[in-house]
């Protein structure tokens, strides 16, 4: 568990919609969390903590920054992200440069 996860948990306890916004942005999950928080503080907090848990699972599975949020608590691998252990993307096959036609 990283320090950012601890900060997200602290924000979720203080203001659940804010932590939901940090994870999912402005969308359906934020609206659901706002409504849950209005109806009861505890359901909004549980929803925010559930989203944080799902984000932590995605970090373990795909690595930090290797996932995107697709909505409704689902994360998918971000194929456009560079691997964390290399500085440049892998190149396959021939490349066209100054000396190649």
PDB file of N, CA and C in Angstrom:
ATOM      1  N   UNK A   1       0.845  -1.169   0.000  1.00  0.00           N
ATOM      2  CA  UNK A   1       0.000   0.000   0.000  1.00  0.00           C
ATOM      3  C   UNK A   1       0.894   1.237   0.000  1.00  0.00           C
ATOM      4  N   UNK A   2       0.625   2.137  -0.919  1.00  0.00           N
ATOM      5  CA  UNK A   2       1.441   3.333  -1.080  1.00  0.00           C
ATOM      6  C   UNK A   2       0.870   4.491  -0.262  1.00  0.00           C
ATOM      7  N   UNK A   3       1.641   5.553  -0.171  1.00  0.00           N
ATOM      8  CA  UNK A   3       1.189   6.718   0.594  1.00  0.00           C
ATOM      9  C   UNK A   3      -0.007   7.391  -0.077  1.00  0.00           C
ATOM     10  N   UNK A   4      -0.079   7.323  -1.408  1.00  0.00           N
ATOM     11  CA  UNK A   4      -1.240   7.903  -2.084  1.00  0.00           C
ATOM     12  C   UNK A   4      -2.517   7.153  -1.732  1.00  0.00           C
ATOM     13  N   UNK A   5      -2.393   5.840  -1.504  1.00  0.00           N
ATOM     14  CA  UNK A   5      -3.568   5.069  -1.092  1.00  0.00           C
ATOM     15  C   UNK A   5      -4.022   5.494   0.301  1.00  0.00           C
ATOM     16  N   UNK A   6      -3.071   5.741   1.191  1.00  0.00           N
ATOM     17  CA  UNK A   6      -3.431   6.225   2.527  1.00  0.00           C
ATOM     18  C   UNK A   6      -4.127   7.584   2.452  1.00  0.00           C
ATOM     19  N   UNK A   7      -3.629   8.444   1.572  1.00  0.00           N
ATOM     20  CA  UNK A   7      -4.262   9.752   1.413  1.00  0.00           C
ATOM     21  C   UNK A   7      -5.673   9.615   0.844  1.00  0.00           C
ATOM     22  N   UNK A   8      -5.851   8.720  -0.130  1.00  0.00           N
ATOM     23  CA  UNK A   8      -7.187   8.493  -0.684  1.00  0.00           C
ATOM     24  C   UNK A   8      -8.144   7.961   0.376  1.00  0.00           C
ATOM     25  N   UNK A   9      -7.664   7.071   1.233  1.00  0.00           N
ATOM     26  CA  UNK A   9      -8.507   6.526   2.300  1.00  0.00           C
ATOM     27  C   UNK A   9      -8.891   7.631   3.281  1.00  0.00           C
ATOM     28  N   UNK A  10      -7.926   8.497   3.623  1.00  0.00           N
ATOM     29  CA  UNK A  10      -8.228   9.602   4.535  1.00  0.00           C
ATOM     30  C   UNK A  10      -9.252  10.550   3.915  1.00  0.00           C
ATOM     31  N   UNK A  11      -9.104  10.846   2.631  1.00  0.00           N
ATOM     32  CA  UNK A  11     -10.068  11.717   1.952  1.00  0.00           C
ATOM     33  C   UNK A  11     -11.427  11.024   1.869  1.00  0.00           C
ATOM     34  N   UNK A  12     -11.436   9.700   1.656  1.00  0.00           N
ATOM     35  CA  UNK A  12     -12.701   8.959   1.593  1.00  0.00           C
ATOM     36  C   UNK A  12     -13.439   9.018   2.919  1.00  0.00           C
ATOM     37  N   UNK A  13     -12.714   9.011   4.007  1.00  0.00           N
ATOM     38  CA  UNK A  13     -13.360   9.085   5.320  1.00  0.00           C
ATOM     39  C   UNK A  13     -13.887  10.496   5.578  1.00  0.00           C
ATOM     40  N   UNK A  14     -13.134  11.515   5.157  1.00  0.00           N
ATOM     41  CA  UNK A  14     -13.554  12.892   5.391  1.00  0.00           C
ATOM     42  C   UNK A  14     -14.616  13.359   4.402  1.00  0.00           C
ATOM     43  N   UNK A  15     -14.424  13.044   3.122  1.00  0.00           N
ATOM     44  CA  UNK A  15     -15.351  13.504   2.076  1.00  0.00           C
ATOM     45  C   UNK A  15     -15.384  12.459   0.946  1.00  0.00           C
ATOM     46  N   UNK A  16     -16.286  11.475   1.047  1.00  0.00           N
ATOM     47  CA  UNK A  16     -16.312  10.379   0.072  1.00  0.00           C
ATOM     48  C   UNK A  16     -16.437  10.814  -1.392  1.00  0.00           C
ATOM     49  N   UNK A  17     -17.269  11.808  -1.728  1.00  0.00           N
ATOM     50  CA  UNK A  17     -17.341  12.184  -3.144  1.00  0.00           C
ATOM     51  C   UNK A  17     -16.026  12.720  -3.720  1.00  0.00           C
ATOM     52  N   UNK A  18     -15.223  13.371  -2.894  1.00  0.00           N
ATOM     53  CA  UNK A  18     -13.954  13.901  -3.375  1.00  0.00           C
ATOM     54  C   UNK A  18     -12.993  12.771  -3.755  1.00  0.00           C
ATOM     55  N   UNK A  19     -12.908  11.745  -2.937  1.00  0.00           N
ATOM     56  CA  UNK A  19     -12.030  10.624  -3.275  1.00  0.00           C
ATOM     57  C   UNK A  19     -12.556   9.871  -4.495  1.00  0.00           C
ATOM     58  N   UNK A  20     -13.872   9.795  -4.636  1.00  0.00           N
ATOM     59  CA  UNK A  20     -14.455   9.155  -5.821  1.00  0.00           C
ATOM     60  C   UNK A  20     -14.115   9.961  -7.066  1.00  0.00           C
ATOM     61  N   UNK A  21     -14.135  11.277  -6.967  1.00  0.00           N
ATOM     62  CA  UNK A  21     -13.760  12.127  -8.095  1.00  0.00           C
ATOM     63  C   UNK A  21     -12.304  11.904  -8.481  1.00  0.00           C
ATOM     64  N   UNK A  22     -11.408  11.750  -7.496  1.00  0.00           N
ATOM     65  CA  UNK A  22      -9.995  11.523  -7.787  1.00  0.00           C
ATOM     66  C   UNK A  22      -9.785  10.218  -8.551  1.00  0.00           C
ATOM     67  N   UNK A  23     -10.610   9.215  -8.282  1.00  0.00           N
ATOM     68  CA  UNK A  23     -10.443   7.909  -8.925  1.00  0.00           C
ATOM     69  C   UNK A  23     -11.157   7.852 -10.273  1.00  0.00           C
ATOM     70  N   UNK A  24     -12.426   8.252 -10.292  1.00  0.00           N
ATOM     71  CA  UNK A  24     -13.236   8.018 -11.489  1.00  0.00           C
ATOM     72  C   UNK A  24     -13.495   9.260 -12.320  1.00  0.00           C
ATOM     73  N   UNK A  25     -13.180  10.432 -11.810  1.00  0.00           N
ATOM     74  CA  UNK A  25     -13.482  11.654 -12.543  1.00  0.00           C
ATOM     75  C   UNK A  25     -14.950  12.010 -12.403  1.00  0.00           C
ATOM     76  N   UNK A  26     -15.404  12.855 -13.285  1.00  0.00           N
ATOM     77  CA  UNK A  26     -16.787  13.316 -13.234  1.00  0.00           C
ATOM     78  C   UNK A  26     -17.637  12.389 -14.097  1.00  0.00           C
ATOM     79  N   UNK A  27     -18.369  11.507 -13.446  1.00  0.00           N
ATOM     80  CA  UNK A  27     -19.167  10.539 -14.184  1.00  0.00           C
ATOM     81  C   UNK A  27     -20.233   9.915 -13.307  1.00  0.00           C
ATOM     82  N   UNK A  28     -20.681   8.757 -13.727  1.00  0.00           N
ATOM     83  CA  UNK A  28     -21.762   8.060 -13.050  1.00  0.00           C
ATOM     84  C   UNK A  28     -21.384   7.661 -11.623  1.00  0.00           C
ATOM     85  N   UNK A  29     -20.140   7.204 -11.432  1.00  0.00           N
ATOM     86  CA  UNK A  29     -19.723   6.803 -10.086  1.00  0.00           C
ATOM     87  C   UNK A  29     -19.731   7.981  -9.120  1.00  0.00           C
ATOM     88  N   UNK A  30     -19.372   9.151  -9.594  1.00  0.00           N
ATOM     89  CA  UNK A  30     -19.408  10.330  -8.737  1.00  0.00           C
ATOM     90  C   UNK A  30     -20.840  10.666  -8.340  1.00  0.00           C
ATOM     91  N   UNK A  31     -21.755  10.607  -9.294  1.00  0.00           N
ATOM     92  CA  UNK A  31     -23.153  10.873  -8.999  1.00  0.00           C
ATOM     93  C   UNK A  31     -23.713   9.855  -8.002  1.00  0.00           C
ATOM     94  N   UNK A  32     -23.389   8.589  -8.194  1.00  0.00           N
ATOM     95  CA  UNK A  32     -23.832   7.545  -7.260  1.00  0.00           C
ATOM     96  C   UNK A  32     -23.287   7.817  -5.868  1.00  0.00           C
ATOM     97  N   UNK A  33     -22.004   8.190  -5.797  1.00  0.00           N
ATOM     98  CA  UNK A  33     -21.402   8.432  -4.488  1.00  0.00           C
ATOM     99  C   UNK A  33     -22.005   9.647  -3.810  1.00  0.00           C
ATOM    100  N   UNK A  34     -22.296  10.687  -4.574  1.00  0.00           N
ATOM    101  CA  UNK A  34     -22.930  11.872  -3.979  1.00  0.00           C
ATOM    102  C   UNK A  34     -24.299  11.503  -3.415  1.00  0.00           C
ATOM    103  N   UNK A  35     -25.079  10.744  -4.182  1.00  0.00           N
ATOM    104  CA  UNK A  35     -26.406  10.329  -3.705  1.00  0.00           C
ATOM    105  C   UNK A  35     -26.298   9.428  -2.473  1.00  0.00           C
ATOM    106  N   UNK A  36     -25.354   8.486  -2.487  1.00  0.00           N
ATOM    107  CA  UNK A  36     -25.168   7.624  -1.314  1.00  0.00           C
ATOM    108  C   UNK A  36     -24.752   8.428  -0.093  1.00  0.00           C
ATOM    109  N   UNK A  37     -23.907   9.427  -0.291  1.00  0.00           N
ATOM    110  CA  UNK A  37     -23.460  10.253   0.830  1.00  0.00           C
ATOM    111  C   UNK A  37     -24.601  11.117   1.356  1.00  0.00           C
ATOM    112  N   UNK A  38     -25.481  11.584   0.470  1.00  0.00           N
ATOM    113  CA  UNK A  38     -26.635  12.365   0.914  1.00  0.00           C
ATOM    114  C   UNK A  38     -27.592  11.497   1.722  1.00  0.00           C
ATOM    115  N   UNK A  39     -27.833  10.273   1.245  1.00  0.00           N
ATOM    116  CA  UNK A  39     -28.755   9.379   1.944  1.00  0.00           C
ATOM    117  C   UNK A  39     -28.176   8.852   3.250  1.00  0.00           C
ATOM    118  N   UNK A  40     -26.872   8.772   3.324  1.00  0.00           N
ATOM    119  CA  UNK A  40     -26.217   8.317   4.545  1.00  0.00           C
ATOM    120  C   UNK A  40     -24.720   8.388   4.358  1.00  0.00           C
ATOM    121  N   UNK A  41     -24.048   8.902   5.338  1.00  0.00           N
ATOM    122  CA  UNK A  41     -22.611   9.082   5.240  1.00  0.00           C
ATOM    123  C   UNK A  41     -21.895   7.742   5.078  1.00  0.00           C
ATOM    124  N   UNK A  42     -22.325   6.722   5.799  1.00  0.00           N
ATOM    125  CA  UNK A  42     -21.663   5.422   5.767  1.00  0.00           C
ATOM    126  C   UNK A  42     -21.746   4.749   4.394  1.00  0.00           C
ATOM    127  N   UNK A  43     -22.898   4.719   3.701  1.00  0.00           N
ATOM    128  CA  UNK A  43     -22.913   4.106   2.365  1.00  0.00           C
ATOM    129  C   UNK A  43     -21.990   4.808   1.364  1.00  0.00           C
ATOM    130  N   UNK A  44     -21.898   6.126   1.439  1.00  0.00           N
ATOM    131  CA  UNK A  44     -20.991   6.854   0.557  1.00  0.00           C
ATOM    132  C   UNK A  44     -19.541   6.522   0.841  1.00  0.00           C
ATOM    133  N   UNK A  45     -19.211   6.386   2.115  1.00  0.00           N
ATOM    134  CA  UNK A  45     -17.847   6.031   2.499  1.00  0.00           C
ATOM    135  C   UNK A  45     -17.509   4.616   2.048  1.00  0.00           C
ATOM    136  N   UNK A  46     -18.427   3.689   2.214  1.00  0.00           N
ATOM    137  CA  UNK A  46     -18.192   2.301   1.786  1.00  0.00           C
ATOM    138  C   UNK A  46     -17.982   2.246   0.274  1.00  0.00           C
ATOM    139  N   UNK A  47     -18.777   2.983  -0.478  1.00  0.00           N
ATOM    140  CA  UNK A  47     -18.619   3.011  -1.937  1.00  0.00           C
ATOM    141  C   UNK A  47     -17.253   3.578  -2.321  1.00  0.00           C
ATOM    142  N   UNK A  48     -16.830   4.644  -1.685  1.00  0.00           N
ATOM    143  CA  UNK A  48     -15.525   5.244  -1.978  1.00  0.00           C
ATOM    144  C   UNK A  48     -14.388   4.285  -1.625  1.00  0.00           C
ATOM    145  N   UNK A  49     -14.497   3.610  -0.479  1.00  0.00           N
ATOM    146  CA  UNK A  49     -13.462   2.654  -0.090  1.00  0.00           C
ATOM    147  C   UNK A  49     -13.425   1.459  -1.042  1.00  0.00           C
ATOM    148  N   UNK A  50     -14.580   1.054  -1.563  1.00  0.00           N
ATOM    149  CA  UNK A  50     -14.629  -0.039  -2.526  1.00  0.00           C
ATOM    150  C   UNK A  50     -13.901   0.352  -3.817  1.00  0.00           C
ATOM    151  N   UNK A  51     -14.101   1.599  -4.270  1.00  0.00           N
ATOM    152  CA  UNK A  51     -13.401   2.063  -5.466  1.00  0.00           C
ATOM    153  C   UNK A  51     -11.886   2.123  -5.240  1.00  0.00           C
ATOM    154  N   UNK A  52     -11.478   2.524  -4.055  1.00  0.00           N
ATOM    155  CA  UNK A  52     -10.048   2.553  -3.729  1.00  0.00           C
ATOM    156  C   UNK A  52      -9.482   1.139  -3.741  1.00  0.00           C
ATOM    157  N   UNK A  53     -10.222   0.196  -3.187  1.00  0.00           N
ATOM    158  CA  UNK A  53      -9.787  -1.205  -3.185  1.00  0.00           C
ATOM    159  C   UNK A  53      -9.632  -1.719  -4.611  1.00  0.00           C
ATOM    160  N   UNK A  54     -10.594  -1.405  -5.480  1.00  0.00           N
ATOM    161  CA  UNK A  54     -10.520  -1.856  -6.867  1.00  0.00           C
ATOM    162  C   UNK A  54      -9.316  -1.219  -7.581  1.00  0.00           C
ATOM    163  N   UNK A  55      -9.005   0.032  -7.278  1.00  0.00           N
ATOM    164  CA  UNK A  55      -7.839   0.702  -7.855  1.00  0.00           C
ATOM    165  C   UNK A  55      -6.544   0.046  -7.394  1.00  0.00           C
ATOM    166  N   UNK A  56      -6.495  -0.336  -6.124  1.00  0.00           N
ATOM    167  CA  UNK A  56      -5.311  -1.009  -5.601  1.00  0.00           C
ATOM    168  C   UNK A  56      -5.122  -2.379  -6.262  1.00  0.00           C
ATOM    169  N   UNK A  57      -6.230  -3.089  -6.521  1.00  0.00           N
ATOM    170  CA  UNK A  57      -6.143  -4.362  -7.239  1.00  0.00           C
ATOM    171  C   UNK A  57      -5.584  -4.164  -8.643  1.00  0.00           C
ATOM    172  N   UNK A  58      -6.039  -3.113  -9.325  1.00  0.00           N
ATOM    173  CA  UNK A  58      -5.558  -2.833 -10.682  1.00  0.00           C
ATOM    174  C   UNK A  58      -4.075  -2.482 -10.671  1.00  0.00           C
ATOM    175  N   UNK A  59      -3.620  -1.759  -9.645  1.00  0.00           N
ATOM    176  CA  UNK A  59      -2.199  -1.437  -9.543  1.00  0.00           C
ATOM    177  C   UNK A  59      -1.370  -2.693  -9.357  1.00  0.00           C
ATOM    178  N   UNK A  60      -1.856  -3.649  -8.580  1.00  0.00           N
ATOM    179  CA  UNK A  60      -1.131  -4.902  -8.392  1.00  0.00           C
ATOM    180  C   UNK A  60      -1.099  -5.719  -9.679  1.00  0.00           C
ATOM    181  N   UNK A  61      -2.193  -5.714 -10.406  1.00  0.00           N
ATOM    182  CA  UNK A  61      -2.296  -6.542 -11.609  1.00  0.00           C
ATOM    183  C   UNK A  61      -1.537  -5.939 -12.784  1.00  0.00           C
ATOM    184  N   UNK A  62      -1.692  -4.641 -13.032  1.00  0.00           N
ATOM    185  CA  UNK A  62      -1.147  -4.021 -14.238  1.00  0.00           C
ATOM    186  C   UNK A  62       0.052  -3.112 -13.973  1.00  0.00           C
ATOM    187  N   UNK A  63       0.383  -2.863 -12.739  1.00  0.00           N
ATOM    188  CA  UNK A  63       1.472  -1.951 -12.415  1.00  0.00           C
ATOM    189  C   UNK A  63       0.970  -0.524 -12.313  1.00  0.00           C
ATOM    190  N   UNK A  64       1.786   0.315 -11.738  1.00  0.00           N
ATOM    191  CA  UNK A  64       1.383   1.708 -11.540  1.00  0.00           C
ATOM    192  C   UNK A  64       1.293   2.427 -12.886  1.00  0.00           C
ATOM    193  N   UNK A  65       0.153   3.010 -13.170  1.00  0.00           N
ATOM    194  CA  UNK A  65      -0.053   3.713 -14.428  1.00  0.00           C
ATOM    195  C   UNK A  65      -0.341   2.814 -15.611  1.00  0.00           C
ATOM    196  N   UNK A  66      -0.420   1.517 -15.409  1.00  0.00           N
ATOM    197  CA  UNK A  66      -0.654   0.587 -16.504  1.00  0.00           C
ATOM    198  C   UNK A  66      -2.109   0.227 -16.692  1.00  0.00           C
ATOM    199  N   UNK A  67      -3.022   1.049 -16.173  1.00  0.00           N
ATOM    200  CA  UNK A  67      -4.446   0.743 -16.270  1.00  0.00           C
ATOM    201  C   UNK A  67      -5.232   2.027 -16.475  1.00  0.00           C
ATOM    202  N   UNK A  68      -6.447   1.848 -16.972  1.00  0.00           N
ATOM    203  CA  UNK A  68      -7.372   2.964 -17.119  1.00  0.00           C
ATOM    204  C   UNK A  68      -8.699   2.572 -16.479  1.00  0.00           C
ATOM    205  N   UNK A  69      -9.409   3.549 -15.999  1.00  0.00           N
ATOM    206  CA  UNK A  69     -10.699   3.312 -15.363  1.00  0.00           C
ATOM    207  C   UNK A  69     -11.770   3.319 -16.443  1.00  0.00           C
ATOM    208  N   UNK A  70     -12.555   2.229 -16.521  1.00  0.00           N
ATOM    209  CA  UNK A  70     -13.581   2.127 -17.555  1.00  0.00           C
ATOM    210  C   UNK A  70     -14.978   2.351 -17.016  1.00  0.00           C
ATOM    211  N   UNK A  71     -15.117   2.507 -15.723  1.00  0.00           N
ATOM    212  CA  UNK A  71     -16.426   2.780 -15.133  1.00  0.00           C
ATOM    213  C   UNK A  71     -16.965   1.616 -14.335  1.00  0.00           C
ATOM    214  N   UNK A  72     -17.872   1.915 -13.424  1.00  0.00           N
ATOM    215  CA  UNK A  72     -18.545   0.942 -12.572  1.00  0.00           C
ATOM    216  C   UNK A  72     -17.568   0.045 -11.807  1.00  0.00           C
ATOM    217  N   UNK A  73     -16.456   0.618 -11.373  1.00  0.00           N
ATOM    218  CA  UNK A  73     -15.492  -0.129 -10.575  1.00  0.00           C
ATOM    219  C   UNK A  73     -14.587  -1.046 -11.364  1.00  0.00           C
ATOM    220  N   UNK A  74     -14.520  -0.892 -12.682  1.00  0.00           N
ATOM    221  CA  UNK A  74     -13.695  -1.757 -13.522  1.00  0.00           C
ATOM    222  C   UNK A  74     -12.497  -0.996 -14.059  1.00  0.00           C
ATOM    223  N   UNK A  75     -11.368  -1.653 -14.026  1.00  0.00           N
ATOM    224  CA  UNK A  75     -10.133  -1.117 -14.573  1.00  0.00           C
ATOM    225  C   UNK A  75      -9.638  -2.085 -15.635  1.00  0.00           C
ATOM    226  N   UNK A  76      -9.077  -1.550 -16.730  1.00  0.00           N
ATOM    227  CA  UNK A  76      -8.511  -2.371 -17.787  1.00  0.00           C
ATOM    228  C   UNK A  76      -7.086  -1.937 -18.045  1.00  0.00           C
ATOM    229  N   UNK A  77      -6.324  -2.846 -18.644  1.00  0.00           N
ATOM    230  CA  UNK A  77      -4.937  -2.551 -18.950  1.00  0.00           C
ATOM    231  C   UNK A  77      -4.860  -1.447 -19.988  1.00  0.00           C
ATOM    232  N   UNK A  78      -3.949  -0.520 -19.766  1.00  0.00           N
ATOM    233  CA  UNK A  78      -3.712   0.563 -20.710  1.00  0.00           C
ATOM    234  C   UNK A  78      -2.579   0.125 -21.630  1.00  0.00           C
ATOM    235  N   UNK A  79      -2.916  -0.255 -22.848  1.00  0.00           N
ATOM    236  CA  UNK A  79      -1.915  -0.747 -23.781  1.00  0.00           C
ATOM    237  C   UNK A  79      -1.028   0.362 -24.329  1.00  0.00           C
ATOM    238  N   UNK A  80      -1.440   1.611 -24.170  1.00  0.00           N
ATOM    239  CA  UNK A  80      -0.637   2.730 -24.640  1.00  0.00           C
ATOM    240  C   UNK A  80       0.421   3.151 -23.642  1.00  0.00           C
ATOM    241  N   UNK A  81       0.343   2.650 -22.419  1.00  0.00           N
ATOM    242  CA  UNK A  81       1.311   3.024 -21.385  1.00  0.00           C
ATOM    243  C   UNK A  81       2.625   2.286 -21.618  1.00  0.00           C
ATOM    244  N   UNK A  82       3.716   2.968 -21.341  1.00  0.00           N
ATOM    245  CA  UNK A  82       5.024   2.341 -21.462  1.00  0.00           C
ATOM    246  C   UNK A  82       5.264   1.412 -20.289  1.00  0.00           C
ATOM    247  N   UNK A  83       5.993   0.335 -20.486  1.00  0.00           N
ATOM    248  CA  UNK A  83       6.360  -0.506 -19.349  1.00  0.00           C
ATOM    249  C   UNK A  83       7.201   0.299 -18.357  1.00  0.00           C
ATOM    250  N   UNK A  84       7.032   0.015 -17.083  1.00  0.00           N
ATOM    251  CA  UNK A  84       7.721   0.796 -16.053  1.00  0.00           C
ATOM    252  C   UNK A  84       9.203   0.489 -15.991  1.00  0.00           C
ATOM    253  N   UNK A  85       9.668  -0.616 -16.580  1.00  0.00           N
ATOM    254  CA  UNK A  85      11.071  -0.982 -16.473  1.00  0.00           C
ATOM    255  C   UNK A  85      11.894  -0.555 -17.687  1.00  0.00           C
ATOM    256  N   UNK A  86      11.320   0.128 -18.665  1.00  0.00           N
ATOM    257  CA  UNK A  86      12.094   0.570 -19.821  1.00  0.00           C
ATOM    258  C   UNK A  86      11.884   2.064 -20.053  1.00  0.00           C
ATOM    259  N   UNK A  87      12.895   2.691 -20.627  1.00  0.00           N
ATOM    260  CA  UNK A  87      12.826   4.131 -20.864  1.00  0.00           C
ATOM    261  C   UNK A  87      12.190   4.456 -22.211  1.00  0.00           C
ATOM    262  N   UNK A  88      12.234   3.532 -23.169  1.00  0.00           N
ATOM    263  CA  UNK A  88      11.658   3.797 -24.486  1.00  0.00           C
ATOM    264  C   UNK A  88      10.809   2.599 -24.907  1.00  0.00           C
ATOM    265  N   UNK A  89       9.835   2.839 -25.775  1.00  0.00           N
ATOM    266  CA  UNK A  89       8.993   1.735 -26.219  1.00  0.00           C
ATOM    267  C   UNK A  89       9.782   0.760 -27.073  1.00  0.00           C
ATOM    268  N   UNK A  90       9.403  -0.503 -27.053  1.00  0.00           N
ATOM    269  CA  UNK A  90      10.129  -1.474 -27.872  1.00  0.00           C
ATOM    270  C   UNK A  90       9.876  -1.213 -29.352  1.00  0.00           C
ATOM    271  N   UNK A  91      10.892  -1.447 -30.177  1.00  0.00           N
ATOM    272  CA  UNK A  91      10.727  -1.295 -31.618  1.00  0.00           C
ATOM    273  C   UNK A  91      10.922  -2.663 -32.257  1.00  0.00           C
ATOM    274  N   UNK A  92      10.064  -3.003 -33.171  1.00  0.00           N
ATOM    275  CA  UNK A  92      10.099  -4.292 -33.828  1.00  0.00           C
ATOM    276  C   UNK A  92      10.310  -4.070 -35.320  1.00  0.00           C
ATOM    277  N   UNK A  93      11.169  -4.860 -35.932  1.00  0.00           N
ATOM    278  CA  UNK A  93      11.373  -4.760 -37.369  1.00  0.00           C
ATOM    279  C   UNK A  93      12.289  -3.618 -37.728  1.00  0.00           C
ATOM    280  N   UNK A  94      12.307  -3.312 -39.006  1.00  0.00           N
ATOM    281  CA  UNK A  94      13.184  -2.260 -39.522  1.00  0.00           C
ATOM    282  C   UNK A  94      12.564  -0.887 -39.241  1.00  0.00           C
ATOM    283  N   UNK A  95      13.421   0.080 -39.021  1.00  0.00           N
ATOM    284  CA  UNK A  95      12.962   1.444 -38.829  1.00  0.00           C
ATOM    285  C   UNK A  95      13.508   2.300 -39.960  1.00  0.00           C
ATOM    286  N   UNK A  96      12.779   3.307 -40.322  1.00  0.00           N
ATOM    287  CA  UNK A  96      13.213   4.206 -41.395  1.00  0.00           C
ATOM    288  C   UNK A  96      13.934   5.370 -40.746  1.00  0.00           C
ATOM    289  N   UNK A  97      15.172   5.579 -41.123  1.00  0.00           N
ATOM    290  CA  UNK A  97      15.967   6.660 -40.576  1.00  0.00           C
ATOM    291  C   UNK A  97      16.614   7.452 -41.686  1.00  0.00           C
ATOM    292  N   UNK A  98      17.633   8.229 -41.351  1.00  0.00           N
ATOM    293  CA  UNK A  98      18.298   9.100 -42.338  1.00  0.00           C
ATOM    294  C   UNK A  98      19.033   8.268 -43.382  1.00  0.00           C
ATOM    295  N   UNK A  99      19.624   7.127 -42.979  1.00  0.00           N
ATOM    296  CA  UNK A  99      20.406   6.308 -43.911  1.00  0.00           C
ATOM    297  C   UNK A  99      19.575   5.258 -44.628  1.00  0.00           C
ATOM    298  N   UNK A 100      18.325   5.042 -44.222  1.00  0.00           N
ATOM    299  CA  UNK A 100      17.493   4.014 -44.859  1.00  0.00           C
ATOM    300  C   UNK A 100      16.497   4.655 -45.802  1.00  0.00           C
ATOM    301  N   UNK A 101      16.242   4.033 -46.938  1.00  0.00           N
ATOM    302  CA  UNK A 101      15.245   4.602 -47.880  1.00  0.00           C
ATOM    303  C   UNK A 101      13.831   4.414 -47.411  1.00  0.00           C
TER     304      UNK A 101
END
